[in-house]
PDB file of N, CA and C in Angstrom:
ATOM      1  N   MET A   1     -59.168 191.371  54.295  1.00  0.00           N
ATOM      2  CA  MET A   1     -57.948 192.359  54.502  1.00  0.00           C
ATOM      3  C   MET A   1     -57.159 192.122  53.195  1.00  0.00           C
ATOM      4  N   PRO A   2     -56.410 193.021  52.739  1.00  0.00           N
ATOM      5  CA  PRO A   2     -55.395 192.783  51.673  1.00  0.00           C
ATOM      6  C   PRO A   2     -54.265 191.835  52.169  1.00  0.00           C
ATOM      7  N   GLU A   3     -53.797 191.007  51.195  1.00  0.00           N
ATOM      8  CA  GLU A   3     -52.435 190.463  51.647  1.00  0.00           C
ATOM      9  C   GLU A   3     -51.394 190.864  50.882  1.00  0.00           C
ATOM     10  N   TYR A   4     -49.948 191.093  51.395  1.00  0.00           N
ATOM     11  CA  TYR A   4     -48.906 191.417  50.756  1.00  0.00           C
ATOM     12  C   TYR A   4     -47.677 190.585  50.846  1.00  0.00           C
ATOM     13  N   LEU A   5     -46.965 190.626  49.871  1.00  0.00           N
ATOM     14  CA  LEU A   5     -45.883 189.689  49.877  1.00  0.00           C
ATOM     15  C   LEU A   5     -44.629 190.612  50.194  1.00  0.00           C
ATOM     16  N   ILE A   6     -43.895 190.110  51.299  1.00  0.00           N
ATOM     17  CA  ILE A   6     -42.802 190.946  51.465  1.00  0.00           C
ATOM     18  C   ILE A   6     -41.632 190.071  51.196  1.00  0.00           C
ATOM     19  N   TYR A   7     -40.602 190.529  50.484  1.00  0.00           N
ATOM     20  CA  TYR A   7     -39.354 189.361  49.970  1.00  0.00           C
ATOM     21  C   TYR A   7     -38.337 190.251  49.802  1.00  0.00           C
ATOM     22  N   PHE A   8     -37.195 189.283  49.463  1.00  0.00           N
ATOM     23  CA  PHE A   8     -35.752 189.828  49.231  1.00  0.00           C
ATOM     24  C   PHE A   8     -35.160 188.823  48.172  1.00  0.00           C
ATOM     25  N   ASN A   9     -34.325 189.441  47.439  1.00  0.00           N
ATOM     26  CA  ASN A   9     -33.515 188.563  46.559  1.00  0.00           C
ATOM     27  C   ASN A   9     -32.250 188.368  47.464  1.00  0.00           C
ATOM     28  N   GLN A  10     -31.544 187.024  47.159  1.00  0.00           N
ATOM     29  CA  GLN A  10     -30.560 186.570  47.806  1.00  0.00           C
ATOM     30  C   GLN A  10     -29.504 187.649  47.634  1.00  0.00           C
ATOM     31  N   GLN A  11     -29.073 188.290  46.718  1.00  0.00           N
ATOM     32  CA  GLN A  11     -28.058 189.162  46.382  1.00  0.00           C
ATOM     33  C   GLN A  11     -28.094 190.414  47.289  1.00  0.00           C
ATOM     34  N   TRP A  12     -29.418 190.733  47.527  1.00  0.00           N
ATOM     35  CA  TRP A  12     -29.446 192.059  48.521  1.00  0.00           C
ATOM     36  C   TRP A  12     -28.963 191.679  49.968  1.00  0.00           C
ATOM     37  N   VAL A  13     -28.744 190.333  50.279  1.00  0.00           N
ATOM     38  CA  VAL A  13     -28.158 190.226  51.486  1.00  0.00           C
ATOM     39  C   VAL A  13     -26.867 190.688  51.847  1.00  0.00           C
ATOM     40  N   GLY A  14     -26.010 190.744  50.626  1.00  0.00           N
ATOM     41  CA  GLY A  14     -24.558 190.939  51.126  1.00  0.00           C
ATOM     42  C   GLY A  14     -23.703 190.036  51.647  1.00  0.00           C
ATOM     43  N   ASP A  15     -22.260 190.259  51.434  1.00  0.00           N
ATOM     44  CA  ASP A  15     -21.560 189.205  52.220  1.00  0.00           C
ATOM     45  C   ASP A  15     -20.910 189.538  53.674  1.00  0.00           C
ATOM     46  N   HIS A  16     -21.212 188.885  54.335  1.00  0.00           N
ATOM     47  CA  HIS A  16     -21.277 188.952  56.063  1.00  0.00           C
ATOM     48  C   HIS A  16     -20.550 187.479  56.608  1.00  0.00           C
ATOM     49  N   ASP A  17     -19.833 187.812  57.452  1.00  0.00           N
ATOM     50  CA  ASP A  17     -19.326 186.585  58.438  1.00  0.00           C
ATOM     51  C   ASP A  17     -20.323 185.957  59.097  1.00  0.00           C
ATOM     52  N   GLU A  18     -20.187 184.601  59.507  1.00  0.00           N
ATOM     53  CA  GLU A  18     -21.112 183.845  60.163  1.00  0.00           C
ATOM     54  C   GLU A  18     -21.469 184.458  61.388  1.00  0.00           C
ATOM     55  N   GLU A  19     -20.802 185.099  62.198  1.00  0.00           N
ATOM     56  CA  GLU A  19     -21.131 185.896  63.450  1.00  0.00           C
ATOM     57  C   GLU A  19     -22.186 186.943  63.044  1.00  0.00           C
ATOM     58  N   TRP A  20     -22.102 187.724  61.846  1.00  0.00           N
ATOM     59  CA  TRP A  20     -22.988 188.538  61.715  1.00  0.00           C
ATOM     60  C   TRP A  20     -24.391 187.962  61.325  1.00  0.00           C
ATOM     61  N   TYR A  21     -24.489 186.951  60.780  1.00  0.00           N
ATOM     62  CA  TYR A  21     -25.740 186.131  60.312  1.00  0.00           C
ATOM     63  C   TYR A  21     -26.283 185.647  61.496  1.00  0.00           C
ATOM     64  N   GLN A  22     -25.690 184.949  62.484  1.00  0.00           N
ATOM     65  CA  GLN A  22     -26.110 184.579  63.717  1.00  0.00           C
ATOM     66  C   GLN A  22     -26.578 185.609  64.542  1.00  0.00           C
ATOM     67  N   GLY A  23     -26.207 186.944  64.336  1.00  0.00           N
ATOM     68  CA  GLY A  23     -26.763 188.238  65.162  1.00  0.00           C
ATOM     69  C   GLY A  23     -27.953 188.559  64.606  1.00  0.00           C
ATOM     70  N   ARG A  24     -28.508 188.039  63.432  1.00  0.00           N
ATOM     71  CA  ARG A  24     -29.595 188.571  62.893  1.00  0.00           C
ATOM     72  C   ARG A  24     -30.899 187.453  63.317  1.00  0.00           C
ATOM     73  N   VAL A  25     -30.355 186.300  63.675  1.00  0.00           N
ATOM     74  CA  VAL A  25     -31.477 185.181  64.188  1.00  0.00           C
ATOM     75  C   VAL A  25     -32.516 185.757  65.120  1.00  0.00           C
ATOM     76  N   ALA A  26     -32.006 186.145  66.200  1.00  0.00           N
ATOM     77  CA  ALA A  26     -32.835 186.898  67.265  1.00  0.00           C
ATOM     78  C   ALA A  26     -33.794 187.779  66.875  1.00  0.00           C
ATOM     79  N   PRO A  27     -33.210 188.964  66.185  1.00  0.00           N
ATOM     80  CA  PRO A  27     -34.075 190.117  65.790  1.00  0.00           C
ATOM     81  C   PRO A  27     -35.065 189.662  64.786  1.00  0.00           C
ATOM     82  N   SER A  28     -34.521 188.804  63.803  1.00  0.00           N
ATOM     83  CA  SER A  28     -35.560 188.422  62.845  1.00  0.00           C
ATOM     84  C   SER A  28     -36.916 187.517  63.194  1.00  0.00           C
ATOM     85  N   ARG A  29     -36.422 186.656  64.157  1.00  0.00           N
ATOM     86  CA  ARG A  29     -37.427 185.773  64.760  1.00  0.00           C
ATOM     87  C   ARG A  29     -38.499 186.426  65.674  1.00  0.00           C
ATOM     88  N   ALA A  30     -37.770 187.524  66.407  1.00  0.00           N
ATOM     89  CA  ALA A  30     -38.583 188.637  66.918  1.00  0.00           C
ATOM     90  C   ALA A  30     -39.907 189.222  66.195  1.00  0.00           C
ATOM     91  N   VAL A  31     -39.450 189.569  64.835  1.00  0.00           N
ATOM     92  CA  VAL A  31     -40.344 190.311  64.047  1.00  0.00           C
ATOM     93  C   VAL A  31     -41.446 189.086  63.905  1.00  0.00           C
ATOM     94  N   ILE A  32     -41.233 188.095  63.423  1.00  0.00           N
ATOM     95  CA  ILE A  32     -41.992 187.033  63.087  1.00  0.00           C
ATOM     96  C   ILE A  32     -42.986 186.828  64.181  1.00  0.00           C
ATOM     97  N   ALA A  33     -42.441 186.682  65.495  1.00  0.00           N
ATOM     98  CA  ALA A  33     -43.196 186.374  66.667  1.00  0.00           C
ATOM     99  C   ALA A  33     -44.292 187.294  66.878  1.00  0.00           C
ATOM    100  N   GLU A  34     -43.531 188.792  66.398  1.00  0.00           N
ATOM    101  CA  GLU A  34     -44.715 189.846  66.678  1.00  0.00           C
ATOM    102  C   GLU A  34     -45.838 189.691  65.530  1.00  0.00           C
ATOM    103  N   LEU A  35     -45.425 189.507  64.574  1.00  0.00           N
ATOM    104  CA  LEU A  35     -46.142 189.175  63.403  1.00  0.00           C
ATOM    105  C   LEU A  35     -47.504 188.295  63.582  1.00  0.00           C
ATOM    106  N   GLN A  36     -47.001 187.092  64.394  1.00  0.00           N
ATOM    107  CA  GLN A  36     -47.942 186.116  64.758  1.00  0.00           C
ATOM    108  C   GLN A  36     -48.962 186.517  65.836  1.00  0.00           C
ATOM    109  N   ALA A  37     -48.323 187.209  66.890  1.00  0.00           N
ATOM    110  CA  ALA A  37     -48.981 187.696  68.064  1.00  0.00           C
ATOM    111  C   ALA A  37     -50.237 188.682  67.391  1.00  0.00           C
ATOM    112  N   ALA A  38     -49.710 189.550  66.458  1.00  0.00           N
ATOM    113  CA  ALA A  38     -50.729 190.271  65.719  1.00  0.00           C
ATOM    114  C   ALA A  38     -51.942 189.536  65.040  1.00  0.00           C
ATOM    115  N   GLY A  39     -51.550 188.277  64.761  1.00  0.00           N
ATOM    116  CA  GLY A  39     -52.710 187.684  63.751  1.00  0.00           C
ATOM    117  C   GLY A  39     -52.585 188.124  62.540  1.00  0.00           C
ATOM    118  N   GLN A  40     -51.485 188.735  61.912  1.00  0.00           N
ATOM    119  CA  GLN A  40     -51.102 188.844  60.544  1.00  0.00           C
ATOM    120  C   GLN A  40     -50.223 188.325  59.866  1.00  0.00           C
ATOM    121  N   LEU A  41     -49.612 187.175  60.259  1.00  0.00           N
ATOM    122  CA  LEU A  41     -48.640 186.533  59.541  1.00  0.00           C
ATOM    123  C   LEU A  41     -49.492 185.565  58.769  1.00  0.00           C
ATOM    124  N   VAL A  42     -49.151 185.322  57.510  1.00  0.00           N
ATOM    125  CA  VAL A  42     -49.904 184.171  56.775  1.00  0.00           C
ATOM    126  C   VAL A  42     -48.692 183.075  56.461  1.00  0.00           C
ATOM    127  N   TYR A  43     -47.552 183.550  56.208  1.00  0.00           N
ATOM    128  CA  TYR A  43     -46.373 182.582  56.000  1.00  0.00           C
ATOM    129  C   TYR A  43     -45.187 183.366  55.921  1.00  0.00           C
ATOM    130  N   ALA A  44     -44.019 182.614  56.524  1.00  0.00           N
ATOM    131  CA  ALA A  44     -42.645 183.435  56.317  1.00  0.00           C
ATOM    132  C   ALA A  44     -41.583 182.177  56.250  1.00  0.00           C
ATOM    133  N   GLY A  45     -40.490 182.508  55.412  1.00  0.00           N
ATOM    134  CA  GLY A  45     -39.596 181.497  55.377  1.00  0.00           C
ATOM    135  C   GLY A  45     -38.527 181.693  54.110  1.00  0.00           C
ATOM    136  N   GLY A  46     -37.491 181.322  54.499  1.00  0.00           N
ATOM    137  CA  GLY A  46     -36.102 181.610  53.515  1.00  0.00           C
ATOM    138  C   GLY A  46     -36.325 180.435  52.550  1.00  0.00           C
ATOM    139  N   LEU A  47     -35.754 180.517  51.610  1.00  0.00           N
ATOM    140  CA  LEU A  47     -35.331 179.523  50.520  1.00  0.00           C
ATOM    141  C   LEU A  47     -34.114 178.729  50.403  1.00  0.00           C
ATOM    142  N   VAL A  48     -33.919 177.842  50.068  1.00  0.00           N
ATOM    143  CA  VAL A  48     -32.552 176.968  49.776  1.00  0.00           C
ATOM    144  C   VAL A  48     -31.901 177.882  48.887  1.00  0.00           C
ATOM    145  N   GLU A  49     -30.644 178.307  49.480  1.00  0.00           N
ATOM    146  CA  GLU A  49     -29.606 179.286  48.626  1.00  0.00           C
ATOM    147  C   GLU A  49     -29.169 178.395  47.284  1.00  0.00           C
ATOM    148  N   GLU A  50     -29.110 177.253  47.102  1.00  0.00           N
ATOM    149  CA  GLU A  50     -28.428 176.680  45.989  1.00  0.00           C
ATOM    150  C   GLU A  50     -29.374 176.824  44.792  1.00  0.00           C
ATOM    151  N   VAL A  51     -29.349 177.701  44.055  1.00  0.00           N
ATOM    152  CA  VAL A  51     -30.400 177.968  43.011  1.00  0.00           C
ATOM    153  C   VAL A  51     -30.423 176.817  41.907  1.00  0.00           C
ATOM    154  N   GLU A  52     -29.222 175.982  41.786  1.00  0.00           N
ATOM    155  CA  GLU A  52     -29.302 174.764  41.002  1.00  0.00           C
ATOM    156  C   GLU A  52     -30.180 173.945  41.502  1.00  0.00           C
ATOM    157  N   GLU A  53     -30.790 173.847  42.632  1.00  0.00           N
ATOM    158  CA  GLU A  53     -31.699 172.877  43.049  1.00  0.00           C
ATOM    159  C   GLU A  53     -33.262 173.204  42.645  1.00  0.00           C
ATOM    160  N   ALA A  54     -33.252 174.533  42.148  1.00  0.00           N
ATOM    161  CA  ALA A  54     -34.745 174.803  41.506  1.00  0.00           C
ATOM    162  C   ALA A  54     -34.889 173.944  40.435  1.00  0.00           C
ATOM    163  N   PHE A  55     -36.241 174.062  40.108  1.00  0.00           N
ATOM    164  CA  PHE A  55     -36.687 173.457  38.664  1.00  0.00           C
ATOM    165  C   PHE A  55     -37.699 174.081  38.263  1.00  0.00           C
ATOM    166  N   SER A  56     -38.220 174.247  36.914  1.00  0.00           N
ATOM    167  CA  SER A  56     -39.309 174.886  36.254  1.00  0.00           C
ATOM    168  C   SER A  56     -40.004 174.143  35.669  1.00  0.00           C
ATOM    169  N   ALA A  57     -41.461 174.275  35.613  1.00  0.00           N
ATOM    170  CA  ALA A  57     -42.407 173.640  34.586  1.00  0.00           C
ATOM    171  C   ALA A  57     -42.801 174.698  33.767  1.00  0.00           C
ATOM    172  N   ASP A  58     -43.147 174.396  32.493  1.00  0.00           N
ATOM    173  CA  ASP A  58     -43.315 175.172  31.493  1.00  0.00           C
ATOM    174  C   ASP A  58     -44.234 174.374  30.600  1.00  0.00           C
ATOM    175  N   GLN A  59     -45.495 174.984  29.998  1.00  0.00           N
ATOM    176  CA  GLN A  59     -46.392 174.154  29.049  1.00  0.00           C
ATOM    177  C   GLN A  59     -46.729 175.236  27.746  1.00  0.00           C
ATOM    178  N   THR A  60     -45.897 176.190  27.658  1.00  0.00           N
ATOM    179  CA  THR A  60     -45.940 177.364  26.765  1.00  0.00           C
ATOM    180  C   THR A  60     -46.042 176.667  25.266  1.00  0.00           C
ATOM    181  N   SER A  61     -45.079 175.631  25.123  1.00  0.00           N
ATOM    182  CA  SER A  61     -44.904 175.206  23.821  1.00  0.00           C
ATOM    183  C   SER A  61     -46.123 174.190  23.344  1.00  0.00           C
ATOM    184  N   GLY A  62     -47.026 173.844  24.331  1.00  0.00           N
ATOM    185  CA  GLY A  62     -48.050 172.928  24.213  1.00  0.00           C
ATOM    186  C   GLY A  62     -47.836 171.642  25.025  1.00  0.00           C
ATOM    187  N   GLU A  63     -46.485 171.362  25.194  1.00  0.00           N
ATOM    188  CA  GLU A  63     -46.072 170.168  25.923  1.00  0.00           C
ATOM    189  C   GLU A  63     -45.522 170.457  27.253  1.00  0.00           C
ATOM    190  N   LEU A  64     -45.799 169.770  28.306  1.00  0.00           N
ATOM    191  CA  LEU A  64     -45.581 170.159  29.789  1.00  0.00           C
ATOM    192  C   LEU A  64     -43.763 169.489  29.921  1.00  0.00           C
ATOM    193  N   LEU A  65     -42.942 170.687  30.005  1.00  0.00           N
ATOM    194  CA  LEU A  65     -41.683 170.310  30.323  1.00  0.00           C
ATOM    195  C   LEU A  65     -41.100 170.544  31.514  1.00  0.00           C
ATOM    196  N   PHE A  66     -40.478 169.929  32.343  1.00  0.00           N
ATOM    197  CA  PHE A  66     -39.828 170.131  33.487  1.00  0.00           C
ATOM    198  C   PHE A  66     -38.370 170.388  33.131  1.00  0.00           C
ATOM    199  N   THR A  67     -37.607 171.364  33.781  1.00  0.00           N
ATOM    200  CA  THR A  67     -36.359 171.343  33.526  1.00  0.00           C
ATOM    201  C   THR A  67     -35.669 171.781  34.928  1.00  0.00           C
ATOM    202  N   ASP A  68     -34.349 171.308  35.048  1.00  0.00           N
ATOM    203  CA  ASP A  68     -33.499 171.293  36.117  1.00  0.00           C
ATOM    204  C   ASP A  68     -33.094 173.066  36.182  1.00  0.00           C
ATOM    205  N   GLY A  69     -32.922 173.632  37.511  1.00  0.00           N
ATOM    206  CA  GLY A  69     -32.414 174.841  37.597  1.00  0.00           C
ATOM    207  C   GLY A  69     -33.564 175.855  37.348  1.00  0.00           C
ATOM    208  N   PRO A  70     -33.227 176.980  37.483  1.00  0.00           N
ATOM    209  CA  PRO A  70     -34.081 178.222  37.162  1.00  0.00           C
ATOM    210  C   PRO A  70     -34.619 178.281  35.974  1.00  0.00           C
ATOM    211  N   PHE A  71     -35.933 178.846  35.800  1.00  0.00           N
ATOM    212  CA  PHE A  71     -36.681 179.122  34.419  1.00  0.00           C
ATOM    213  C   PHE A  71     -35.643 179.831  33.415  1.00  0.00           C
ATOM    214  N   VAL A  72     -35.111 180.898  33.860  1.00  0.00           N
ATOM    215  CA  VAL A  72     -34.236 181.870  33.341  1.00  0.00           C
ATOM    216  C   VAL A  72     -32.917 182.011  33.886  1.00  0.00           C
ATOM    217  N   GLU A  73     -32.011 182.073  33.176  1.00  0.00           N
ATOM    218  CA  GLU A  73     -30.527 182.340  33.720  1.00  0.00           C
ATOM    219  C   GLU A  73     -30.778 183.764  34.278  1.00  0.00           C
ATOM    220  N   THR A  74     -30.241 183.972  35.472  1.00  0.00           N
ATOM    221  CA  THR A  74     -30.421 185.287  36.101  1.00  0.00           C
ATOM    222  C   THR A  74     -29.141 185.444  37.211  1.00  0.00           C
ATOM    223  N   LYS A  75     -28.880 186.815  37.455  1.00  0.00           N
ATOM    224  CA  LYS A  75     -28.011 186.898  38.312  1.00  0.00           C
ATOM    225  C   LYS A  75     -28.621 187.243  39.680  1.00  0.00           C
ATOM    226  N   GLU A  76     -29.869 187.395  40.004  1.00  0.00           N
ATOM    227  CA  GLU A  76     -30.757 187.640  41.317  1.00  0.00           C
ATOM    228  C   GLU A  76     -31.569 186.531  41.241  1.00  0.00           C
ATOM    229  N   TYR A  77     -31.893 186.084  42.368  1.00  0.00           N
ATOM    230  CA  TYR A  77     -33.117 185.082  42.657  1.00  0.00           C
ATOM    231  C   TYR A  77     -33.577 185.266  44.150  1.00  0.00           C
ATOM    232  N   LEU A  78     -34.851 184.946  44.280  1.00  0.00           N
ATOM    233  CA  LEU A  78     -35.738 185.010  45.444  1.00  0.00           C
ATOM    234  C   LEU A  78     -34.987 184.162  46.616  1.00  0.00           C
ATOM    235  N   GLY A  79     -34.692 184.965  47.720  1.00  0.00           N
ATOM    236  CA  GLY A  79     -34.089 184.379  48.865  1.00  0.00           C
ATOM    237  C   GLY A  79     -34.830 184.125  49.902  1.00  0.00           C
ATOM    238  N   GLY A  80     -36.144 184.665  50.142  1.00  0.00           N
ATOM    239  CA  GLY A  80     -36.878 184.308  51.296  1.00  0.00           C
ATOM    240  C   GLY A  80     -38.198 185.489  50.922  1.00  0.00           C
ATOM    241  N   LEU A  81     -39.417 184.864  51.866  1.00  0.00           N
ATOM    242  CA  LEU A  81     -40.469 185.862  51.610  1.00  0.00           C
ATOM    243  C   LEU A  81     -41.355 185.705  53.034  1.00  0.00           C
ATOM    244  N   THR A  82     -42.241 186.548  53.148  1.00  0.00           N
ATOM    245  CA  THR A  82     -43.114 186.576  54.045  1.00  0.00           C
ATOM    246  C   THR A  82     -44.601 187.309  53.532  1.00  0.00           C
ATOM    247  N   ILE A  83     -45.529 186.598  53.746  1.00  0.00           N
ATOM    248  CA  ILE A  83     -46.863 186.949  53.475  1.00  0.00           C
ATOM    249  C   ILE A  83     -47.710 187.322  54.677  1.00  0.00           C
ATOM    250  N   VAL A  84     -48.245 188.564  54.636  1.00  0.00           N
ATOM    251  CA  VAL A  84     -49.026 189.279  55.691  1.00  0.00           C
ATOM    252  C   VAL A  84     -50.407 189.573  55.369  1.00  0.00           C
ATOM    253  N   ASP A  85     -51.252 189.275  55.992  1.00  0.00           N
ATOM    254  CA  ASP A  85     -52.674 189.661  55.976  1.00  0.00           C
ATOM    255  C   ASP A  85     -53.075 190.835  56.763  1.00  0.00           C
ATOM    256  N   VAL A  86     -52.915 192.146  56.167  1.00  0.00           N
ATOM    257  CA  VAL A  86     -52.991 193.283  57.002  1.00  0.00           C
ATOM    258  C   VAL A  86     -54.250 194.392  56.537  1.00  0.00           C
ATOM    259  N   PRO A  87     -54.644 195.351  57.329  1.00  0.00           N
ATOM    260  CA  PRO A  87     -55.795 196.052  56.720  1.00  0.00           C
ATOM    261  C   PRO A  87     -55.548 197.091  55.872  1.00  0.00           C
ATOM    262  N   ASP A  88     -54.149 197.429  55.585  1.00  0.00           N
ATOM    263  CA  ASP A  88     -53.799 198.478  54.665  1.00  0.00           C
ATOM    264  C   ASP A  88     -52.343 198.559  54.388  1.00  0.00           C
ATOM    265  N   GLU A  89     -51.957 199.362  53.282  1.00  0.00           N
ATOM    266  CA  GLU A  89     -50.659 199.504  52.945  1.00  0.00           C
ATOM    267  C   GLU A  89     -49.471 199.960  53.995  1.00  0.00           C
ATOM    268  N   GLU A  90     -50.372 200.882  54.686  1.00  0.00           N
ATOM    269  CA  GLU A  90     -49.521 201.493  55.847  1.00  0.00           C
ATOM    270  C   GLU A  90     -49.067 200.447  56.824  1.00  0.00           C
ATOM    271  N   THR A  91     -49.796 199.563  57.253  1.00  0.00           N
ATOM    272  CA  THR A  91     -49.294 198.453  57.993  1.00  0.00           C
ATOM    273  C   THR A  91     -48.539 197.644  57.396  1.00  0.00           C
ATOM    274  N   ALA A  92     -48.465 197.218  55.881  1.00  0.00           N
ATOM    275  CA  ALA A  92     -47.529 196.367  55.298  1.00  0.00           C
ATOM    276  C   ALA A  92     -46.264 197.149  55.244  1.00  0.00           C
ATOM    277  N   ARG A  93     -46.073 198.498  55.282  1.00  0.00           N
ATOM    278  CA  ARG A  93     -45.080 199.168  55.223  1.00  0.00           C
ATOM    279  C   ARG A  93     -44.141 198.951  56.474  1.00  0.00           C
ATOM    280  N   MET A  94     -45.111 198.860  57.614  1.00  0.00           N
ATOM    281  CA  MET A  94     -44.593 199.002  58.975  1.00  0.00           C
ATOM    282  C   MET A  94     -43.871 197.624  59.119  1.00  0.00           C
ATOM    283  N   TRP A  95     -44.725 196.530  58.466  1.00  0.00           N
ATOM    284  CA  TRP A  95     -44.081 195.072  58.842  1.00  0.00           C
ATOM    285  C   TRP A  95     -42.690 195.079  57.790  1.00  0.00           C
ATOM    286  N   ALA A  96     -42.908 195.487  56.789  1.00  0.00           N
ATOM    287  CA  ALA A  96     -41.634 195.436  55.890  1.00  0.00           C
ATOM    288  C   ALA A  96     -40.426 196.264  56.334  1.00  0.00           C
ATOM    289  N   GLY A  97     -40.662 197.300  57.121  1.00  0.00           N
ATOM    290  CA  GLY A  97     -39.728 198.016  57.892  1.00  0.00           C
ATOM    291  C   GLY A  97     -38.999 196.984  58.914  1.00  0.00           C
ATOM    292  N   LYS A  98     -39.890 196.497  59.800  1.00  0.00           N
ATOM    293  CA  LYS A  98     -39.581 195.613  60.875  1.00  0.00           C
ATOM    294  C   LYS A  98     -38.614 194.559  60.214  1.00  0.00           C
ATOM    295  N   ILE A  99     -39.211 193.764  59.218  1.00  0.00           N
ATOM    296  CA  ILE A  99     -38.434 192.752  58.696  1.00  0.00           C
ATOM    297  C   ILE A  99     -37.141 193.219  58.060  1.00  0.00           C
ATOM    298  N   ALA A 100     -36.923 194.325  57.422  1.00  0.00           N
ATOM    299  CA  ALA A 100     -35.561 194.806  57.091  1.00  0.00           C
ATOM    300  C   ALA A 100     -34.691 195.126  58.344  1.00  0.00           C
ATOM    301  N   VAL A 101     -35.222 195.693  59.357  1.00  0.00           N
ATOM    302  CA  VAL A 101     -34.396 195.733  60.220  1.00  0.00           C
ATOM    303  C   VAL A 101     -33.835 194.423  60.845  1.00  0.00           C
ATOM    304  N   GLY A 102     -35.048 193.769  61.240  1.00  0.00           N
ATOM    305  CA  GLY A 102     -34.594 192.312  61.767  1.00  0.00           C
ATOM    306  C   GLY A 102     -33.601 191.550  61.075  1.00  0.00           C
ATOM    307  N   CYS A 103     -33.890 191.447  59.633  1.00  0.00           N
ATOM    308  CA  CYS A 103     -32.902 190.499  58.808  1.00  0.00           C
ATOM    309  C   CYS A 103     -31.514 191.237  58.571  1.00  0.00           C
ATOM    310  N   GLY A 104     -31.686 192.703  58.363  1.00  0.00           N
ATOM    311  CA  GLY A 104     -30.213 193.523  58.046  1.00  0.00           C
ATOM    312  C   GLY A 104     -30.059 193.734  56.739  1.00  0.00           C
ATOM    313  N   TRP A 105     -31.314 193.450  55.686  1.00  0.00           N
ATOM    314  CA  TRP A 105     -31.253 193.885  54.361  1.00  0.00           C
ATOM    315  C   TRP A 105     -32.474 194.062  53.819  1.00  0.00           C
ATOM    316  N   PRO A 106     -32.551 194.674  52.644  1.00  0.00           N
ATOM    317  CA  PRO A 106     -33.679 195.232  52.036  1.00  0.00           C
ATOM    318  C   PRO A 106     -34.761 194.329  51.912  1.00  0.00           C
ATOM    319  N   GLN A 107     -35.916 194.735  51.744  1.00  0.00           N
ATOM    320  CA  GLN A 107     -37.251 194.043  51.274  1.00  0.00           C
ATOM    321  C   GLN A 107     -37.919 194.816  50.317  1.00  0.00           C
ATOM    322  N   GLU A 108     -38.687 193.965  49.523  1.00  0.00           N
ATOM    323  CA  GLU A 108     -39.599 194.690  48.437  1.00  0.00           C
ATOM    324  C   GLU A 108     -40.907 194.024  48.966  1.00  0.00           C
ATOM    325  N   VAL A 109     -41.979 195.072  48.834  1.00  0.00           N
ATOM    326  CA  VAL A 109     -43.298 194.668  49.034  1.00  0.00           C
ATOM    327  C   VAL A 109     -44.355 194.660  47.788  1.00  0.00           C
ATOM    328  N   ARG A 110     -45.114 193.934  47.708  1.00  0.00           N
ATOM    329  CA  ARG A 110     -46.051 193.810  46.426  1.00  0.00           C
ATOM    330  C   ARG A 110     -47.256 193.065  47.217  1.00  0.00           C
ATOM    331  N   GLN A 111     -48.333 193.686  46.558  1.00  0.00           N
ATOM    332  CA  GLN A 111     -49.762 193.508  47.274  1.00  0.00           C
ATOM    333  C   GLN A 111     -50.359 192.298  46.068  1.00  0.00           C
ATOM    334  N   PHE A 112     -51.026 191.444  46.905  1.00  0.00           N
ATOM    335  CA  PHE A 112     -51.681 190.162  45.900  1.00  0.00           C
ATOM    336  C   PHE A 112     -52.955 191.104  45.491  1.00  0.00           C
ATOM    337  N   LYS A 113     -52.957 190.605  44.065  1.00  0.00           N
ATOM    338  CA  LYS A 113     -54.233 190.988  43.424  1.00  0.00           C
ATOM    339  C   LYS A 113     -55.655 190.671  44.250  1.00  0.00           C
ATOM    340  N   PRO A 114     -56.814 191.231  44.366  1.00  0.00           N
ATOM    341  CA  PRO A 114     -57.827 191.070  44.922  1.00  0.00           C
ATOM    342  C   PRO A 114     -58.372 189.630  44.074  1.00  0.00           C
ATOM    343  N   GLY A 115     -58.950 188.682  45.074  1.00  0.00           N
ATOM    344  CA  GLY A 115     -59.659 187.746  44.430  1.00  0.00           C
ATOM    345  C   GLY A 115     -58.509 186.221  44.386  1.00  0.00           C
ATOM    346  N   SER A 116     -57.462 186.540  44.894  1.00  0.00           N
ATOM    347  CA  SER A 116     -56.402 185.694  45.072  1.00  0.00           C
ATOM    348  C   SER A 116     -56.826 184.423  45.698  1.00  0.00           C
ATOM    349  N   VAL A 117     -56.692 183.192  45.478  1.00  0.00           N
ATOM    350  CA  VAL A 117     -57.109 182.028  46.208  1.00  0.00           C
ATOM    351  C   VAL A 117     -56.285 181.674  47.605  1.00  0.00           C
ATOM    352  N   LYS A 118     -57.459 181.644  48.385  1.00  0.00           N
ATOM    353  CA  LYS A 118     -56.671 181.543  49.844  1.00  0.00           C
ATOM    354  C   LYS A 118     -57.296 180.077  50.449  1.00  0.00           C
ATOM    355  N   GLN A 119     -56.480 179.381  51.140  1.00  0.00           N
ATOM    356  CA  GLN A 119     -56.736 178.147  51.658  1.00  0.00           C
ATOM    357  C   GLN A 119     -57.905 178.452  52.769  1.00  0.00           C
TER     358      GLN A 119
END
């Protein structure tokens, strides 16, 4: 079955108070539980919001360099992701919609290339 990445950039979340975020916990966890029960969840998780804790590895110059911070300076950065293993795009769309509703912010969906390495 094809695998899809469902993800969001942190900036898509918007500014909300702590009560609003707490109100998203149960609905978003319910979607993940539903994905697990369907046997279609590969992985789901949010990322640490402090982008300065990121680091990059780059060997394009011929020498491997590790740099603190993101690879490029950008105004948007990945906030979290879910990987699903589903029969078709229609099912990926359905899960992306449920995740968007559960979280309360937009999600983008991309299919992994066929032949991607799985554990």
